[in-house]
Amino acid sequence: MARLTLVYFAWVREAIGRDEEQVERPAEDVTIRDFIATLADQGGAYADAFARSDRLRAALDQRFTPLDSPIGEAKELAIFPPVTGG
């Protein structure tokens, strides 16, 4: 069984209560947005953290990636709020 490391940053991490976790990697054609919806369906802290995917950004294997991209064979999915400069 292939595993996917989920890494959470900023208020996503605070809402879920952990920095990262290991999950079974979904089918290659599942998009990041659809996977986030699956996480939200778990309820509780996940539902709160992922209620609005439009407020989230993602990176697959440390490369910024649009939420409509398939997860493919990635080993790591990072989920975080928009990054601001300053």
PDB file of N, CA and C in Angstrom:
ATOM      1  N   MET A   1       0.845  -1.169   0.000  1.00  0.00           N
ATOM      2  CA  MET A   1       0.000   0.000   0.000  1.00  0.00           C
ATOM      3  C   MET A   1       0.896   1.240   0.000  1.00  0.00           C
ATOM      4  N   ALA A   2       0.669   2.124  -0.945  1.00  0.00           N
ATOM      5  CA  ALA A   2       1.448   3.361  -1.051  1.00  0.00           C
ATOM      6  C   ALA A   2       0.939   4.376  -0.039  1.00  0.00           C
ATOM      7  N   ARG A   3       1.872   5.091   0.568  1.00  0.00           N
ATOM      8  CA  ARG A   3       1.534   6.076   1.587  1.00  0.00           C
ATOM      9  C   ARG A   3       1.786   7.480   1.060  1.00  0.00           C
ATOM     10  N   LEU A   4       1.041   8.421   1.599  1.00  0.00           N
ATOM     11  CA  LEU A   4       1.182   9.829   1.279  1.00  0.00           C
ATOM     12  C   LEU A   4       1.367  10.565   2.602  1.00  0.00           C
ATOM     13  N   THR A   5       2.404  11.385   2.679  1.00  0.00           N
ATOM     14  CA  THR A   5       2.617  12.200   3.862  1.00  0.00           C
ATOM     15  C   THR A   5       1.888  13.517   3.676  1.00  0.00           C
ATOM     16  N   LEU A   6       1.002  13.842   4.596  1.00  0.00           N
ATOM     17  CA  LEU A   6       0.312  15.118   4.588  1.00  0.00           C
ATOM     18  C   LEU A   6       1.028  16.031   5.570  1.00  0.00           C
ATOM     19  N   VAL A   7       1.388  17.225   5.115  1.00  0.00           N
ATOM     20  CA  VAL A   7       2.079  18.201   5.958  1.00  0.00           C
ATOM     21  C   VAL A   7       1.195  19.442   6.035  1.00  0.00           C
ATOM     22  N   TYR A   8       0.956  19.908   7.253  1.00  0.00           N
ATOM     23  CA  TYR A   8       0.073  21.045   7.471  1.00  0.00           C
ATOM     24  C   TYR A   8       0.863  22.238   8.016  1.00  0.00           C
ATOM     25  N   PHE A   9       0.489  23.440   7.568  1.00  0.00           N
ATOM     26  CA  PHE A   9       1.156  24.657   7.995  1.00  0.00           C
ATOM     27  C   PHE A   9       0.152  25.695   8.505  1.00  0.00           C
ATOM     28  N   ALA A  10       0.651  26.594   9.352  1.00  0.00           N
ATOM     29  CA  ALA A  10      -0.079  27.764   9.837  1.00  0.00           C
ATOM     30  C   ALA A  10      -1.409  27.357  10.484  1.00  0.00           C
ATOM     31  N   TRP A  11      -2.505  28.077  10.168  1.00  0.00           N
ATOM     32  CA  TRP A  11      -3.771  27.801  10.839  1.00  0.00           C
ATOM     33  C   TRP A  11      -4.351  26.435  10.479  1.00  0.00           C
ATOM     34  N   VAL A  12      -3.932  25.845   9.369  1.00  0.00           N
ATOM     35  CA  VAL A  12      -4.387  24.480   9.043  1.00  0.00           C
ATOM     36  C   VAL A  12      -3.831  23.526  10.101  1.00  0.00           C
ATOM     37  N   ARG A  13      -2.539  23.659  10.381  1.00  0.00           N
ATOM     38  CA  ARG A  13      -1.884  22.829  11.405  1.00  0.00           C
ATOM     39  C   ARG A  13      -2.551  23.037  12.761  1.00  0.00           C
ATOM     40  N   GLU A  14      -2.816  24.297  13.091  1.00  0.00           N
ATOM     41  CA  GLU A  14      -3.432  24.594  14.384  1.00  0.00           C
ATOM     42  C   GLU A  14      -4.833  24.001  14.493  1.00  0.00           C
ATOM     43  N   ALA A  15      -5.597  24.060  13.409  1.00  0.00           N
ATOM     44  CA  ALA A  15      -6.962  23.527  13.428  1.00  0.00           C
ATOM     45  C   ALA A  15      -6.970  22.014  13.588  1.00  0.00           C
ATOM     46  N   ILE A  16      -6.050  21.334  12.891  1.00  0.00           N
ATOM     47  CA  ILE A  16      -6.016  19.876  12.929  1.00  0.00           C
ATOM     48  C   ILE A  16      -5.306  19.360  14.174  1.00  0.00           C
ATOM     49  N   GLY A  17      -4.341  20.138  14.659  1.00  0.00           N
ATOM     50  CA  GLY A  17      -3.641  19.749  15.877  1.00  0.00           C
ATOM     51  C   GLY A  17      -2.440  18.864  15.654  1.00  0.00           C
ATOM     52  N   ARG A  18      -1.904  18.867  14.443  1.00  0.00           N
ATOM     53  CA  ARG A  18      -0.691  18.099  14.159  1.00  0.00           C
ATOM     54  C   ARG A  18       0.039  18.701  12.969  1.00  0.00           C
ATOM     55  N   ASP A  19       1.337  18.441  12.908  1.00  0.00           N
ATOM     56  CA  ASP A  19       2.165  18.948  11.811  1.00  0.00           C
ATOM     57  C   ASP A  19       2.027  18.116  10.550  1.00  0.00           C
ATOM     58  N   GLU A  20       1.915  16.813  10.728  1.00  0.00           N
ATOM     59  CA  GLU A  20       1.830  15.913   9.569  1.00  0.00           C
ATOM     60  C   GLU A  20       1.226  14.591   9.977  1.00  0.00           C
ATOM     61  N   GLU A  21       0.877  13.813   8.966  1.00  0.00           N
ATOM     62  CA  GLU A  21       0.374  12.464   9.177  1.00  0.00           C
ATOM     63  C   GLU A  21       0.555  11.654   7.897  1.00  0.00           C
ATOM     64  N   GLN A  22       0.509  10.360   8.041  1.00  0.00           N
ATOM     65  CA  GLN A  22       0.621   9.435   6.919  1.00  0.00           C
ATOM     66  C   GLN A  22      -0.760   8.854   6.615  1.00  0.00           C
ATOM     67  N   VAL A  23      -1.121   8.830   5.330  1.00  0.00           N
ATOM     68  CA  VAL A  23      -2.393   8.250   4.904  1.00  0.00           C
ATOM     69  C   VAL A  23      -2.143   7.377   3.681  1.00  0.00           C
ATOM     70  N   GLU A  24      -3.117   6.570   3.353  1.00  0.00           N
ATOM     71  CA  GLU A  24      -3.020   5.795   2.123  1.00  0.00           C
ATOM     72  C   GLU A  24      -3.177   6.750   0.939  1.00  0.00           C
ATOM     73  N   ARG A  25      -2.257   6.648  -0.024  1.00  0.00           N
ATOM     74  CA  ARG A  25      -2.328   7.543  -1.187  1.00  0.00           C
ATOM     75  C   ARG A  25      -3.550   7.170  -2.024  1.00  0.00           C
ATOM     76  N   PRO A  26      -4.324   8.185  -2.424  1.00  0.00           N
ATOM     77  CA  PRO A  26      -5.510   7.913  -3.247  1.00  0.00           C
ATOM     78  C   PRO A  26      -5.110   7.525  -4.673  1.00  0.00           C
ATOM     79  N   ALA A  27      -6.082   7.155  -5.472  1.00  0.00           N
ATOM     80  CA  ALA A  27      -5.827   6.837  -6.879  1.00  0.00           C
ATOM     81  C   ALA A  27      -5.145   8.024  -7.557  1.00  0.00           C
ATOM     82  N   GLU A  28      -4.313   7.757  -8.530  1.00  0.00           N
ATOM     83  CA  GLU A  28      -3.500   8.780  -9.188  1.00  0.00           C
ATOM     84  C   GLU A  28      -4.312   9.920  -9.795  1.00  0.00           C
ATOM     85  N   ASP A  29      -5.544   9.643 -10.213  1.00  0.00           N
ATOM     86  CA  ASP A  29      -6.337  10.679 -10.876  1.00  0.00           C
ATOM     87  C   ASP A  29      -7.146  11.548  -9.907  1.00  0.00           C
ATOM     88  N   VAL A  30      -7.080  11.269  -8.617  1.00  0.00           N
ATOM     89  CA  VAL A  30      -7.784  12.081  -7.626  1.00  0.00           C
ATOM     90  C   VAL A  30      -7.074  13.427  -7.509  1.00  0.00           C
ATOM     91  N   THR A  31      -7.843  14.506  -7.607  1.00  0.00           N
ATOM     92  CA  THR A  31      -7.238  15.837  -7.512  1.00  0.00           C
ATOM     93  C   THR A  31      -7.009  16.216  -6.046  1.00  0.00           C
ATOM     94  N   ILE A  32      -6.152  17.183  -5.849  1.00  0.00           N
ATOM     95  CA  ILE A  32      -5.900  17.687  -4.503  1.00  0.00           C
ATOM     96  C   ILE A  32      -7.204  18.204  -3.901  1.00  0.00           C
ATOM     97  N   ARG A  33      -7.972  18.949  -4.672  1.00  0.00           N
ATOM     98  CA  ARG A  33      -9.246  19.504  -4.183  1.00  0.00           C
ATOM     99  C   ARG A  33     -10.197  18.387  -3.730  1.00  0.00           C
ATOM    100  N   ASP A  34     -10.315  17.322  -4.534  1.00  0.00           N
ATOM    101  CA  ASP A  34     -11.195  16.211  -4.165  1.00  0.00           C
ATOM    102  C   ASP A  34     -10.689  15.481  -2.917  1.00  0.00           C
ATOM    103  N   PHE A  35      -9.373  15.359  -2.809  1.00  0.00           N
ATOM    104  CA  PHE A  35      -8.791  14.701  -1.645  1.00  0.00           C
ATOM    105  C   PHE A  35      -9.038  15.535  -0.384  1.00  0.00           C
ATOM    106  N   ILE A  36      -8.891  16.848  -0.492  1.00  0.00           N
ATOM    107  CA  ILE A  36      -9.176  17.733   0.640  1.00  0.00           C
ATOM    108  C   ILE A  36     -10.640  17.599   1.060  1.00  0.00           C
ATOM    109  N   ALA A  37     -11.544  17.470   0.086  1.00  0.00           N
ATOM    110  CA  ALA A  37     -12.967  17.270   0.408  1.00  0.00           C
ATOM    111  C   ALA A  37     -13.168  15.962   1.166  1.00  0.00           C
ATOM    112  N   THR A  38     -12.425  14.930   0.781  1.00  0.00           N
ATOM    113  CA  THR A  38     -12.503  13.646   1.484  1.00  0.00           C
ATOM    114  C   THR A  38     -12.024  13.796   2.917  1.00  0.00           C
ATOM    115  N   LEU A  39     -10.952  14.552   3.106  1.00  0.00           N
ATOM    116  CA  LEU A  39     -10.468  14.807   4.464  1.00  0.00           C
ATOM    117  C   LEU A  39     -11.528  15.552   5.272  1.00  0.00           C
ATOM    118  N   ALA A  40     -12.137  16.576   4.675  1.00  0.00           N
ATOM    119  CA  ALA A  40     -13.169  17.362   5.366  1.00  0.00           C
ATOM    120  C   ALA A  40     -14.344  16.488   5.780  1.00  0.00           C
ATOM    121  N   ASP A  41     -14.660  15.484   4.961  1.00  0.00           N
ATOM    122  CA  ASP A  41     -15.779  14.589   5.264  1.00  0.00           C
ATOM    123  C   ASP A  41     -15.556  13.762   6.526  1.00  0.00           C
ATOM    124  N   GLN A  42     -14.317  13.728   7.034  1.00  0.00           N
ATOM    125  CA  GLN A  42     -14.040  13.000   8.278  1.00  0.00           C
ATOM    126  C   GLN A  42     -14.659  13.700   9.485  1.00  0.00           C
ATOM    127  N   GLY A  43     -15.027  14.972   9.282  1.00  0.00           N
ATOM    128  CA  GLY A  43     -15.672  15.724  10.353  1.00  0.00           C
ATOM    129  C   GLY A  43     -14.684  16.320  11.335  1.00  0.00           C
ATOM    130  N   GLY A  44     -15.207  16.877  12.397  1.00  0.00           N
ATOM    131  CA  GLY A  44     -14.391  17.442  13.458  1.00  0.00           C
ATOM    132  C   GLY A  44     -13.425  18.505  12.979  1.00  0.00           C
ATOM    133  N   ALA A  45     -12.182  18.407  13.446  1.00  0.00           N
ATOM    134  CA  ALA A  45     -11.149  19.383  13.102  1.00  0.00           C
ATOM    135  C   ALA A  45     -10.883  19.426  11.603  1.00  0.00           C
ATOM    136  N   TYR A  46     -10.988  18.283  10.941  1.00  0.00           N
ATOM    137  CA  TYR A  46     -10.768  18.252   9.489  1.00  0.00           C
ATOM    138  C   TYR A  46     -11.842  19.057   8.756  1.00  0.00           C
ATOM    139  N   ALA A  47     -13.064  18.911   9.181  1.00  0.00           N
ATOM    140  CA  ALA A  47     -14.153  19.669   8.552  1.00  0.00           C
ATOM    141  C   ALA A  47     -13.928  21.165   8.732  1.00  0.00           C
ATOM    142  N   ASP A  48     -13.477  21.558   9.918  1.00  0.00           N
ATOM    143  CA  ASP A  48     -13.209  22.975  10.176  1.00  0.00           C
ATOM    144  C   ASP A  48     -12.045  23.481   9.328  1.00  0.00           C
ATOM    145  N   ALA A  49     -10.952  22.736   9.304  1.00  0.00           N
ATOM    146  CA  ALA A  49      -9.747  23.172   8.596  1.00  0.00           C
ATOM    147  C   ALA A  49      -9.948  23.236   7.089  1.00  0.00           C
ATOM    148  N   PHE A  50     -10.747  22.321   6.553  1.00  0.00           N
ATOM    149  CA  PHE A  50     -10.876  22.211   5.097  1.00  0.00           C
ATOM    150  C   PHE A  50     -12.234  22.630   4.565  1.00  0.00           C
ATOM    151  N   ALA A  51     -12.993  23.356   5.360  1.00  0.00           N
ATOM    152  CA  ALA A  51     -14.341  23.764   4.956  1.00  0.00           C
ATOM    153  C   ALA A  51     -14.340  24.599   3.680  1.00  0.00           C
ATOM    154  N   ARG A  52     -13.301  25.412   3.488  1.00  0.00           N
ATOM    155  CA  ARG A  52     -13.243  26.285   2.308  1.00  0.00           C
ATOM    156  C   ARG A  52     -11.924  26.066   1.584  1.00  0.00           C
ATOM    157  N   SER A  53     -11.939  25.178   0.602  1.00  0.00           N
ATOM    158  CA  SER A  53     -10.703  24.887  -0.129  1.00  0.00           C
ATOM    159  C   SER A  53     -10.207  26.104  -0.909  1.00  0.00           C
ATOM    160  N   ASP A  54     -11.087  27.078  -1.161  1.00  0.00           N
ATOM    161  CA  ASP A  54     -10.645  28.283  -1.867  1.00  0.00           C
ATOM    162  C   ASP A  54      -9.675  29.111  -1.019  1.00  0.00           C
ATOM    163  N   ARG A  55      -9.595  28.807   0.276  1.00  0.00           N
ATOM    164  CA  ARG A  55      -8.670  29.508   1.168  1.00  0.00           C
ATOM    165  C   ARG A  55      -7.386  28.720   1.389  1.00  0.00           C
ATOM    166  N   LEU A  56      -7.157  27.682   0.584  1.00  0.00           N
ATOM    167  CA  LEU A  56      -5.998  26.815   0.770  1.00  0.00           C
ATOM    168  C   LEU A  56      -5.098  26.809  -0.459  1.00  0.00           C
ATOM    169  N   ARG A  57      -3.854  26.496  -0.231  1.00  0.00           N
ATOM    170  CA  ARG A  57      -2.873  26.278  -1.287  1.00  0.00           C
ATOM    171  C   ARG A  57      -2.230  24.933  -1.016  1.00  0.00           C
ATOM    172  N   ALA A  58      -1.527  24.398  -2.028  1.00  0.00           N
ATOM    173  CA  ALA A  58      -0.934  23.077  -1.870  1.00  0.00           C
ATOM    174  C   ALA A  58       0.393  22.972  -2.606  1.00  0.00           C
ATOM    175  N   ALA A  59       1.161  21.994  -2.169  1.00  0.00           N
ATOM    176  CA  ALA A  59       2.411  21.653  -2.843  1.00  0.00           C
ATOM    177  C   ALA A  59       2.526  20.131  -2.854  1.00  0.00           C
ATOM    178  N   LEU A  60       2.884  19.592  -3.997  1.00  0.00           N
ATOM    179  CA  LEU A  60       3.155  18.165  -4.125  1.00  0.00           C
ATOM    180  C   LEU A  60       4.660  18.001  -4.218  1.00  0.00           C
ATOM    181  N   ASP A  61       5.208  17.194  -3.333  1.00  0.00           N
ATOM    182  CA  ASP A  61       6.652  16.965  -3.303  1.00  0.00           C
ATOM    183  C   ASP A  61       7.422  18.285  -3.371  1.00  0.00           C
ATOM    184  N   GLN A  62       6.967  19.260  -2.573  1.00  0.00           N
ATOM    185  CA  GLN A  62       7.592  20.567  -2.371  1.00  0.00           C
ATOM    186  C   GLN A  62       7.551  21.481  -3.600  1.00  0.00           C
ATOM    187  N   ARG A  63       6.568  21.285  -4.467  1.00  0.00           N
ATOM    188  CA  ARG A  63       6.344  22.183  -5.608  1.00  0.00           C
ATOM    189  C   ARG A  63       4.919  22.699  -5.545  1.00  0.00           C
ATOM    190  N   PHE A  64       4.776  24.043  -5.551  1.00  0.00           N
ATOM    191  CA  PHE A  64       3.431  24.617  -5.565  1.00  0.00           C
ATOM    192  C   PHE A  64       2.629  24.021  -6.707  1.00  0.00           C
ATOM    193  N   THR A  65       1.387  23.672  -6.410  1.00  0.00           N
ATOM    194  CA  THR A  65       0.549  22.959  -7.358  1.00  0.00           C
ATOM    195  C   THR A  65      -0.888  23.446  -7.236  1.00  0.00           C
ATOM    196  N   PRO A  66      -1.573  23.699  -8.364  1.00  0.00           N
ATOM    197  CA  PRO A  66      -2.995  24.076  -8.294  1.00  0.00           C
ATOM    198  C   PRO A  66      -3.826  22.956  -7.657  1.00  0.00           C
ATOM    199  N   LEU A  67      -4.877  23.339  -6.955  1.00  0.00           N
ATOM    200  CA  LEU A  67      -5.718  22.348  -6.274  1.00  0.00           C
ATOM    201  C   LEU A  67      -6.418  21.397  -7.235  1.00  0.00           C
ATOM    202  N   ASP A  68      -6.556  21.783  -8.492  1.00  0.00           N
ATOM    203  CA  ASP A  68      -7.212  20.900  -9.458  1.00  0.00           C
ATOM    204  C   ASP A  68      -6.254  19.894 -10.089  1.00  0.00           C
ATOM    205  N   SER A  69      -5.013  19.867  -9.632  1.00  0.00           N
ATOM    206  CA  SER A  69      -4.028  18.914 -10.149  1.00  0.00           C
ATOM    207  C   SER A  69      -4.234  17.541  -9.512  1.00  0.00           C
ATOM    208  N   PRO A  70      -4.020  16.478 -10.280  1.00  0.00           N
ATOM    209  CA  PRO A  70      -4.086  15.138  -9.683  1.00  0.00           C
ATOM    210  C   PRO A  70      -2.900  14.910  -8.747  1.00  0.00           C
ATOM    211  N   ILE A  71      -3.109  14.119  -7.734  1.00  0.00           N
ATOM    212  CA  ILE A  71      -2.037  13.816  -6.786  1.00  0.00           C
ATOM    213  C   ILE A  71      -0.982  12.921  -7.432  1.00  0.00           C
ATOM    214  N   GLY A  72      -1.405  12.075  -8.354  1.00  0.00           N
ATOM    215  CA  GLY A  72      -0.454  11.223  -9.064  1.00  0.00           C
ATOM    216  C   GLY A  72       0.310  10.314  -8.117  1.00  0.00           C
ATOM    217  N   GLU A  73       1.613  10.243  -8.296  1.00  0.00           N
ATOM    218  CA  GLU A  73       2.460   9.371  -7.482  1.00  0.00           C
ATOM    219  C   GLU A  73       3.237  10.144  -6.424  1.00  0.00           C
ATOM    220  N   ALA A  74       2.762  11.324  -6.077  1.00  0.00           N
ATOM    221  CA  ALA A  74       3.454  12.153  -5.087  1.00  0.00           C
ATOM    222  C   ALA A  74       3.617  11.401  -3.773  1.00  0.00           C
ATOM    223  N   LYS A  75       4.678  11.733  -3.085  1.00  0.00           N
ATOM    224  CA  LYS A  75       4.939  11.143  -1.779  1.00  0.00           C
ATOM    225  C   LYS A  75       4.548  12.096  -0.650  1.00  0.00           C
ATOM    226  N   GLU A  76       4.443  13.407  -0.969  1.00  0.00           N
ATOM    227  CA  GLU A  76       4.105  14.390   0.052  1.00  0.00           C
ATOM    228  C   GLU A  76       3.137  15.422  -0.500  1.00  0.00           C
ATOM    229  N   LEU A  77       2.121  15.737   0.294  1.00  0.00           N
ATOM    230  CA  LEU A  77       1.169  16.797  -0.021  1.00  0.00           C
ATOM    231  C   LEU A  77       1.171  17.771   1.147  1.00  0.00           C
ATOM    232  N   ALA A  78       1.586  18.999   0.880  1.00  0.00           N
ATOM    233  CA  ALA A  78       1.555  20.056   1.895  1.00  0.00           C
ATOM    234  C   ALA A  78       0.321  20.909   1.664  1.00  0.00           C
ATOM    235  N   ILE A  79      -0.360  21.255   2.731  1.00  0.00           N
ATOM    236  CA  ILE A  79      -1.571  22.079   2.651  1.00  0.00           C
ATOM    237  C   ILE A  79      -1.385  23.271   3.577  1.00  0.00           C
ATOM    238  N   PHE A  80      -1.636  24.470   3.046  1.00  0.00           N
ATOM    239  CA  PHE A  80      -1.368  25.685   3.808  1.00  0.00           C
ATOM    240  C   PHE A  80      -2.218  26.832   3.306  1.00  0.00           C
ATOM    241  N   PRO A  81      -2.349  27.893   4.093  1.00  0.00           N
ATOM    242  CA  PRO A  81      -3.058  29.083   3.635  1.00  0.00           C
ATOM    243  C   PRO A  81      -2.201  29.832   2.620  1.00  0.00           C
ATOM    244  N   PRO A  82      -2.767  30.787   1.922  1.00  0.00           N
ATOM    245  CA  PRO A  82      -1.974  31.559   0.954  1.00  0.00           C
ATOM    246  C   PRO A  82      -0.749  32.196   1.617  1.00  0.00           C
ATOM    247  N   VAL A  83       0.333  32.175   0.901  1.00  0.00           N
ATOM    248  CA  VAL A  83       1.577  32.747   1.404  1.00  0.00           C
ATOM    249  C   VAL A  83       1.595  34.235   1.052  1.00  0.00           C
ATOM    250  N   THR A  84       1.947  35.045   2.031  1.00  0.00           N
ATOM    251  CA  THR A  84       2.041  36.484   1.781  1.00  0.00           C
ATOM    252  C   THR A  84       3.471  36.939   2.001  1.00  0.00           C
ATOM    253  N   GLY A  85       3.851  37.932   1.270  1.00  0.00           N
ATOM    254  CA  GLY A  85       5.203  38.475   1.421  1.00  0.00           C
ATOM    255  C   GLY A  85       5.178  39.682   2.315  1.00  0.00           C
ATOM    256  N   GLY A  86       6.376  40.190   2.581  1.00  0.00           N
ATOM    257  CA  GLY A  86       6.384  41.392   3.385  1.00  0.00           C
ATOM    258  C   GLY A  86       7.698  41.642   4.033  1.00  0.00           C
TER     259      GLY A  86
END
